[in-house]
Amino acid sequence: MIVNISEAKANLSKLVNMAYHGEKIVIAKNNLPLVDLVVHKPEGKRKLGLLAGKVTVPDDFMDEDESINDMFYSAGQ
């Protein structure tokens, strides 16, 4: 079913109900199809650890750098 935007505005509740029950609804502007009205499908849960084994963190990652410390702690002195 193709519906122009003005008709979709006037009948949104009806169109949502129709889409929910499996009807294919296309919203058009000047009879040019723009979007489909579809039932929301929840996304699955996020998968944790997608980069496991693909990223290496150097052993000295948390070590302090004296030049950076000087910029923060010696500024203005």
PDB file of N, CA and C in Angstrom:
ATOM      1  N   MET A   1       0.849  -1.172   0.000  1.00  0.00           N
ATOM      2  CA  MET A   1       0.000   0.000   0.000  1.00  0.00           C
ATOM      3  C   MET A   1       0.896   1.236   0.000  1.00  0.00           C
ATOM      4  N   ILE A   2       0.688   2.139  -0.931  1.00  0.00           N
ATOM      5  CA  ILE A   2       1.434   3.389  -0.997  1.00  0.00           C
ATOM      6  C   ILE A   2       0.523   4.512  -0.520  1.00  0.00           C
ATOM      7  N   VAL A   3       1.043   5.316   0.425  1.00  0.00           N
ATOM      8  CA  VAL A   3       0.268   6.386   1.031  1.00  0.00           C
ATOM      9  C   VAL A   3       1.082   7.669   0.951  1.00  0.00           C
ATOM     10  N   ASN A   4       0.468   8.761   0.504  1.00  0.00           N
ATOM     11  CA  ASN A   4       1.160  10.043   0.492  1.00  0.00           C
ATOM     12  C   ASN A   4       1.279  10.592   1.906  1.00  0.00           C
ATOM     13  N   ILE A   5       2.239  11.461   2.118  1.00  0.00           N
ATOM     14  CA  ILE A   5       2.548  11.978   3.452  1.00  0.00           C
ATOM     15  C   ILE A   5       1.322  12.596   4.118  1.00  0.00           C
ATOM     16  N   SER A   6       0.575  13.393   3.400  1.00  0.00           N
ATOM     17  CA  SER A   6      -0.591  14.051   4.006  1.00  0.00           C
ATOM     18  C   SER A   6      -1.599  13.016   4.508  1.00  0.00           C
ATOM     19  N   GLU A   7      -1.810  11.967   3.744  1.00  0.00           N
ATOM     20  CA  GLU A   7      -2.720  10.897   4.170  1.00  0.00           C
ATOM     21  C   GLU A   7      -2.125  10.132   5.352  1.00  0.00           C
ATOM     22  N   ALA A   8      -0.813   9.948   5.334  1.00  0.00           N
ATOM     23  CA  ALA A   8      -0.153   9.249   6.440  1.00  0.00           C
ATOM     24  C   ALA A   8      -0.290  10.036   7.737  1.00  0.00           C
ATOM     25  N   LYS A   9      -0.167  11.357   7.658  1.00  0.00           N
ATOM     26  CA  LYS A   9      -0.349  12.197   8.854  1.00  0.00           C
ATOM     27  C   LYS A   9      -1.752  12.021   9.427  1.00  0.00           C
ATOM     28  N   ALA A  10      -2.733  12.033   8.550  1.00  0.00           N
ATOM     29  CA  ALA A  10      -4.126  11.954   8.993  1.00  0.00           C
ATOM     30  C   ALA A  10      -4.492  10.571   9.529  1.00  0.00           C
ATOM     31  N   ASN A  11      -3.784   9.535   9.073  1.00  0.00           N
ATOM     32  CA  ASN A  11      -4.152   8.160   9.436  1.00  0.00           C
ATOM     33  C   ASN A  11      -3.007   7.389  10.077  1.00  0.00           C
ATOM     34  N   LEU A  12      -2.131   8.090  10.787  1.00  0.00           N
ATOM     35  CA  LEU A  12      -0.935   7.440  11.312  1.00  0.00           C
ATOM     36  C   LEU A  12      -1.260   6.249  12.212  1.00  0.00           C
ATOM     37  N   SER A  13      -2.173   6.401  13.149  1.00  0.00           N
ATOM     38  CA  SER A  13      -2.507   5.293  14.056  1.00  0.00           C
ATOM     39  C   SER A  13      -2.980   4.063  13.284  1.00  0.00           C
ATOM     40  N   LYS A  14      -3.830   4.283  12.304  1.00  0.00           N
ATOM     41  CA  LYS A  14      -4.350   3.185  11.481  1.00  0.00           C
ATOM     42  C   LYS A  14      -3.216   2.515  10.703  1.00  0.00           C
ATOM     43  N   LEU A  15      -2.321   3.327  10.120  1.00  0.00           N
ATOM     44  CA  LEU A  15      -1.214   2.775   9.341  1.00  0.00           C
ATOM     45  C   LEU A  15      -0.231   2.006  10.215  1.00  0.00           C
ATOM     46  N   VAL A  16       0.031   2.525  11.404  1.00  0.00           N
ATOM     47  CA  VAL A  16       0.918   1.814  12.337  1.00  0.00           C
ATOM     48  C   VAL A  16       0.320   0.465  12.690  1.00  0.00           C
ATOM     49  N   ASN A  17      -0.958   0.439  12.962  1.00  0.00           N
ATOM     50  CA  ASN A  17      -1.631  -0.820  13.286  1.00  0.00           C
ATOM     51  C   ASN A  17      -1.553  -1.803  12.117  1.00  0.00           C
ATOM     52  N   MET A  18      -1.737  -1.297  10.904  1.00  0.00           N
ATOM     53  CA  MET A  18      -1.668  -2.163   9.728  1.00  0.00           C
ATOM     54  C   MET A  18      -0.256  -2.727   9.553  1.00  0.00           C
ATOM     55  N   ALA A  19       0.754  -1.875   9.734  1.00  0.00           N
ATOM     56  CA  ALA A  19       2.134  -2.342   9.607  1.00  0.00           C
ATOM     57  C   ALA A  19       2.449  -3.367  10.691  1.00  0.00           C
ATOM     58  N   TYR A  20       1.943  -3.129  11.887  1.00  0.00           N
ATOM     59  CA  TYR A  20       2.161  -4.062  12.998  1.00  0.00           C
ATOM     60  C   TYR A  20       1.588  -5.441  12.673  1.00  0.00           C
ATOM     61  N   HIS A  21       0.514  -5.462  11.933  1.00  0.00           N
ATOM     62  CA  HIS A  21      -0.118  -6.731  11.589  1.00  0.00           C
ATOM     63  C   HIS A  21       0.347  -7.281  10.240  1.00  0.00           C
ATOM     64  N   GLY A  22       1.468  -6.773   9.733  1.00  0.00           N
ATOM     65  CA  GLY A  22       2.089  -7.381   8.566  1.00  0.00           C
ATOM     66  C   GLY A  22       1.874  -6.705   7.233  1.00  0.00           C
ATOM     67  N   GLU A  23       1.078  -5.659   7.188  1.00  0.00           N
ATOM     68  CA  GLU A  23       0.835  -4.946   5.930  1.00  0.00           C
ATOM     69  C   GLU A  23       2.072  -4.135   5.545  1.00  0.00           C
ATOM     70  N   LYS A  24       2.427  -4.139   4.274  1.00  0.00           N
ATOM     71  CA  LYS A  24       3.549  -3.330   3.811  1.00  0.00           C
ATOM     72  C   LYS A  24       3.027  -1.939   3.490  1.00  0.00           C
ATOM     73  N   ILE A  25       3.572  -0.929   4.188  1.00  0.00           N
ATOM     74  CA  ILE A  25       3.143   0.452   4.007  1.00  0.00           C
ATOM     75  C   ILE A  25       4.335   1.257   3.484  1.00  0.00           C
ATOM     76  N   VAL A  26       4.147   1.939   2.371  1.00  0.00           N
ATOM     77  CA  VAL A  26       5.170   2.818   1.802  1.00  0.00           C
ATOM     78  C   VAL A  26       4.628   4.240   1.866  1.00  0.00           C
ATOM     79  N   ILE A  27       5.410   5.137   2.470  1.00  0.00           N
ATOM     80  CA  ILE A  27       5.005   6.539   2.539  1.00  0.00           C
ATOM     81  C   ILE A  27       5.720   7.275   1.410  1.00  0.00           C
ATOM     82  N   ALA A  28       4.928   8.022   0.646  1.00  0.00           N
ATOM     83  CA  ALA A  28       5.455   8.682  -0.547  1.00  0.00           C
ATOM     84  C   ALA A  28       5.190  10.189  -0.486  1.00  0.00           C
ATOM     85  N   LYS A  29       5.942  10.916  -1.303  1.00  0.00           N
ATOM     86  CA  LYS A  29       5.713  12.350  -1.474  1.00  0.00           C
ATOM     87  C   LYS A  29       5.570  12.579  -2.969  1.00  0.00           C
ATOM     88  N   ASN A  30       4.460  13.156  -3.367  1.00  0.00           N
ATOM     89  CA  ASN A  30       4.152  13.331  -4.786  1.00  0.00           C
ATOM     90  C   ASN A  30       4.243  11.998  -5.538  1.00  0.00           C
ATOM     91  N   ASN A  31       3.729  10.949  -4.898  1.00  0.00           N
ATOM     92  CA  ASN A  31       3.726   9.584  -5.442  1.00  0.00           C
ATOM     93  C   ASN A  31       5.121   8.990  -5.666  1.00  0.00           C
ATOM     94  N   LEU A  32       6.143   9.602  -5.072  1.00  0.00           N
ATOM     95  CA  LEU A  32       7.502   9.069  -5.124  1.00  0.00           C
ATOM     96  C   LEU A  32       7.785   8.391  -3.785  1.00  0.00           C
ATOM     97  N   PRO A  33       7.955   7.067  -3.775  1.00  0.00           N
ATOM     98  CA  PRO A  33       8.183   6.366  -2.508  1.00  0.00           C
ATOM     99  C   PRO A  33       9.418   6.905  -1.773  1.00  0.00           C
ATOM    100  N   LEU A  34       9.235   7.208  -0.481  1.00  0.00           N
ATOM    101  CA  LEU A  34      10.330   7.738   0.338  1.00  0.00           C
ATOM    102  C   LEU A  34      10.780   6.757   1.410  1.00  0.00           C
ATOM    103  N   VAL A  35       9.820   6.247   2.174  1.00  0.00           N
ATOM    104  CA  VAL A  35      10.172   5.376   3.309  1.00  0.00           C
ATOM    105  C   VAL A  35       9.152   4.259   3.442  1.00  0.00           C
ATOM    106  N   ASP A  36       9.594   3.179   4.094  1.00  0.00           N
ATOM    107  CA  ASP A  36       8.697   2.084   4.442  1.00  0.00           C
ATOM    108  C   ASP A  36       8.353   2.197   5.915  1.00  0.00           C
ATOM    109  N   LEU A  37       7.122   1.934   6.259  1.00  0.00           N
ATOM    110  CA  LEU A  37       6.687   1.879   7.644  1.00  0.00           C
ATOM    111  C   LEU A  37       6.775   0.413   8.060  1.00  0.00           C
ATOM    112  N   VAL A  38       7.683   0.119   8.974  1.00  0.00           N
ATOM    113  CA  VAL A  38       7.931  -1.277   9.353  1.00  0.00           C
ATOM    114  C   VAL A  38       7.843  -1.439  10.864  1.00  0.00           C
ATOM    115  N   VAL A  39       7.611  -2.658  11.277  1.00  0.00           N
ATOM    116  CA  VAL A  39       7.552  -2.997  12.691  1.00  0.00           C
ATOM    117  C   VAL A  39       8.960  -2.918  13.278  1.00  0.00           C
ATOM    118  N   HIS A  40       9.067  -2.376  14.483  1.00  0.00           N
ATOM    119  CA  HIS A  40      10.358  -2.270  15.160  1.00  0.00           C
ATOM    120  C   HIS A  40      10.855  -3.663  15.549  1.00  0.00           C
ATOM    121  N   LYS A  41      12.111  -3.932  15.228  1.00  0.00           N
ATOM    122  CA  LYS A  41      12.738  -5.192  15.620  1.00  0.00           C
ATOM    123  C   LYS A  41      13.886  -4.859  16.560  1.00  0.00           C
ATOM    124  N   PRO A  42      13.774  -5.251  17.830  1.00  0.00           N
ATOM    125  CA  PRO A  42      14.836  -4.924  18.788  1.00  0.00           C
ATOM    126  C   PRO A  42      16.165  -5.513  18.342  1.00  0.00           C
ATOM    127  N   GLU A  43      17.205  -4.734  18.555  1.00  0.00           N
ATOM    128  CA  GLU A  43      18.543  -5.223  18.246  1.00  0.00           C
ATOM    129  C   GLU A  43      18.962  -6.194  19.335  1.00  0.00           C
ATOM    130  N   GLY A  44      19.804  -7.119  18.968  1.00  0.00           N
ATOM    131  CA  GLY A  44      20.303  -8.069  19.953  1.00  0.00           C
ATOM    132  C   GLY A  44      21.216  -7.380  20.949  1.00  0.00           C
ATOM    133  N   LYS A  45      21.545  -8.095  21.995  1.00  0.00           N
ATOM    134  CA  LYS A  45      22.452  -7.537  22.994  1.00  0.00           C
ATOM    135  C   LYS A  45      23.824  -7.322  22.382  1.00  0.00           C
ATOM    136  N   ARG A  46      24.522  -6.334  22.911  1.00  0.00           N
ATOM    137  CA  ARG A  46      25.873  -6.076  22.424  1.00  0.00           C
ATOM    138  C   ARG A  46      26.766  -7.259  22.754  1.00  0.00           C
ATOM    139  N   LYS A  47      27.636  -7.574  21.828  1.00  0.00           N
ATOM    140  CA  LYS A  47      28.604  -8.636  22.074  1.00  0.00           C
ATOM    141  C   LYS A  47      29.863  -8.010  22.646  1.00  0.00           C
ATOM    142  N   LEU A  48      30.230  -8.434  23.816  1.00  0.00           N
ATOM    143  CA  LEU A  48      31.442  -7.927  24.442  1.00  0.00           C
ATOM    144  C   LEU A  48      32.636  -8.736  23.974  1.00  0.00           C
ATOM    145  N   GLY A  49      33.769  -8.090  23.916  1.00  0.00           N
ATOM    146  CA  GLY A  49      34.999  -8.782  23.568  1.00  0.00           C
ATOM    147  C   GLY A  49      35.222  -8.970  22.091  1.00  0.00           C
ATOM    148  N   LEU A  50      34.620  -8.136  21.257  1.00  0.00           N
ATOM    149  CA  LEU A  50      34.786  -8.287  19.816  1.00  0.00           C
ATOM    150  C   LEU A  50      36.239  -8.097  19.370  1.00  0.00           C
ATOM    151  N   LEU A  51      37.011  -7.323  20.133  1.00  0.00           N
ATOM    152  CA  LEU A  51      38.406  -7.076  19.771  1.00  0.00           C
ATOM    153  C   LEU A  51      39.379  -7.938  20.569  1.00  0.00           C
ATOM    154  N   ALA A  52      38.864  -8.894  21.318  1.00  0.00           N
ATOM    155  CA  ALA A  52      39.735  -9.758  22.120  1.00  0.00           C
ATOM    156  C   ALA A  52      40.734 -10.469  21.207  1.00  0.00           C
ATOM    157  N   GLY A  53      42.006 -10.348  21.555  1.00  0.00           N
ATOM    158  CA  GLY A  53      43.050 -10.986  20.780  1.00  0.00           C
ATOM    159  C   GLY A  53      43.496 -10.183  19.565  1.00  0.00           C
ATOM    160  N   LYS A  54      42.823  -9.076  19.279  1.00  0.00           N
ATOM    161  CA  LYS A  54      43.171  -8.269  18.112  1.00  0.00           C
ATOM    162  C   LYS A  54      43.914  -6.991  18.497  1.00  0.00           C
ATOM    163  N   VAL A  55      43.871  -6.633  19.772  1.00  0.00           N
ATOM    164  CA  VAL A  55      44.511  -5.413  20.247  1.00  0.00           C
ATOM    165  C   VAL A  55      45.510  -5.785  21.327  1.00  0.00           C
ATOM    166  N   THR A  56      46.694  -5.223  21.234  1.00  0.00           N
ATOM    167  CA  THR A  56      47.685  -5.454  22.290  1.00  0.00           C
ATOM    168  C   THR A  56      47.956  -4.140  22.997  1.00  0.00           C
ATOM    169  N   VAL A  57      48.026  -4.210  24.313  1.00  0.00           N
ATOM    170  CA  VAL A  57      48.320  -3.039  25.132  1.00  0.00           C
ATOM    171  C   VAL A  57      49.746  -3.190  25.644  1.00  0.00           C
ATOM    172  N   PRO A  58      50.596  -2.189  25.407  1.00  0.00           N
ATOM    173  CA  PRO A  58      51.982  -2.297  25.860  1.00  0.00           C
ATOM    174  C   PRO A  58      52.064  -2.403  27.380  1.00  0.00           C
ATOM    175  N   ASP A  59      53.101  -3.086  27.868  1.00  0.00           N
ATOM    176  CA  ASP A  59      53.272  -3.260  29.311  1.00  0.00           C
ATOM    177  C   ASP A  59      53.437  -1.932  30.040  1.00  0.00           C
ATOM    178  N   ASP A  60      53.999  -0.929  29.359  1.00  0.00           N
ATOM    179  CA  ASP A  60      54.238   0.354  30.016  1.00  0.00           C
ATOM    180  C   ASP A  60      53.085   1.348  29.797  1.00  0.00           C
ATOM    181  N   PHE A  61      51.938   0.877  29.434  1.00  0.00           N
ATOM    182  CA  PHE A  61      50.789   1.724  29.119  1.00  0.00           C
ATOM    183  C   PHE A  61      50.444   2.671  30.270  1.00  0.00           C
ATOM    184  N   MET A  62      50.492   2.198  31.485  1.00  0.00           N
ATOM    185  CA  MET A  62      50.107   3.007  32.649  1.00  0.00           C
ATOM    186  C   MET A  62      51.284   3.746  33.278  1.00  0.00           C
ATOM    187  N   ASP A  63      52.476   3.581  32.749  1.00  0.00           N
ATOM    188  CA  ASP A  63      53.641   4.273  33.305  1.00  0.00           C
ATOM    189  C   ASP A  63      53.513   5.773  33.066  1.00  0.00           C
ATOM    190  N   GLU A  64      54.003   6.547  34.032  1.00  0.00           N
ATOM    191  CA  GLU A  64      53.966   7.996  33.906  1.00  0.00           C
ATOM    192  C   GLU A  64      55.096   8.483  33.022  1.00  0.00           C
ATOM    193  N   ASP A  65      54.858   9.590  32.347  1.00  0.00           N
ATOM    194  CA  ASP A  65      55.859  10.205  31.491  1.00  0.00           C
ATOM    195  C   ASP A  65      56.267  11.526  32.143  1.00  0.00           C
ATOM    196  N   GLU A  66      57.549  11.678  32.437  1.00  0.00           N
ATOM    197  CA  GLU A  66      58.029  12.861  33.149  1.00  0.00           C
ATOM    198  C   GLU A  66      57.743  14.150  32.390  1.00  0.00           C
ATOM    199  N   SER A  67      57.894  14.153  31.079  1.00  0.00           N
ATOM    200  CA  SER A  67      57.650  15.392  30.322  1.00  0.00           C
ATOM    201  C   SER A  67      56.181  15.808  30.407  1.00  0.00           C
ATOM    202  N   ILE A  68      55.281  14.848  30.421  1.00  0.00           N
ATOM    203  CA  ILE A  68      53.854  15.174  30.554  1.00  0.00           C
ATOM    204  C   ILE A  68      53.558  15.635  31.971  1.00  0.00           C
ATOM    205  N   ASN A  69      54.140  14.973  32.958  1.00  0.00           N
ATOM    206  CA  ASN A  69      53.960  15.409  34.349  1.00  0.00           C
ATOM    207  C   ASN A  69      54.461  16.831  34.534  1.00  0.00           C
ATOM    208  N   ASP A  70      55.586  17.175  33.920  1.00  0.00           N
ATOM    209  CA  ASP A  70      56.121  18.535  34.022  1.00  0.00           C
ATOM    210  C   ASP A  70      55.139  19.552  33.441  1.00  0.00           C
ATOM    211  N   MET A  71      54.488  19.199  32.331  1.00  0.00           N
ATOM    212  CA  MET A  71      53.524  20.122  31.735  1.00  0.00           C
ATOM    213  C   MET A  71      52.342  20.391  32.667  1.00  0.00           C
ATOM    214  N   PHE A  72      51.913  19.356  33.380  1.00  0.00           N
ATOM    215  CA  PHE A  72      50.761  19.524  34.265  1.00  0.00           C
ATOM    216  C   PHE A  72      51.134  20.119  35.607  1.00  0.00           C
ATOM    217  N   TYR A  73      52.193  19.631  36.197  1.00  0.00           N
ATOM    218  CA  TYR A  73      52.481  19.982  37.581  1.00  0.00           C
ATOM    219  C   TYR A  73      53.487  21.114  37.730  1.00  0.00           C
ATOM    220  N   SER A  74      54.206  21.492  36.670  1.00  0.00           N
ATOM    221  CA  SER A  74      55.156  22.580  36.774  1.00  0.00           C
ATOM    222  C   SER A  74      54.650  23.861  36.145  1.00  0.00           C
ATOM    223  N   ALA A  75      53.483  23.802  35.554  1.00  0.00           N
ATOM    224  CA  ALA A  75      52.949  24.971  34.869  1.00  0.00           C
ATOM    225  C   ALA A  75      52.663  26.078  35.857  1.00  0.00           C
ATOM    226  N   GLY A  76      53.084  27.282  35.528  1.00  0.00           N
ATOM    227  CA  GLY A  76      52.809  28.435  36.373  1.00  0.00           C
ATOM    228  C   GLY A  76      53.799  28.616  37.490  1.00  0.00           C
ATOM    229  N   GLN A  77      54.792  27.787  37.591  1.00  0.00           N
ATOM    230  CA  GLN A  77      55.774  27.944  38.680  1.00  0.00           C
ATOM    231  C   GLN A  77      57.001  28.656  38.206  1.00  0.00           C
TER     232      GLN A  77
END
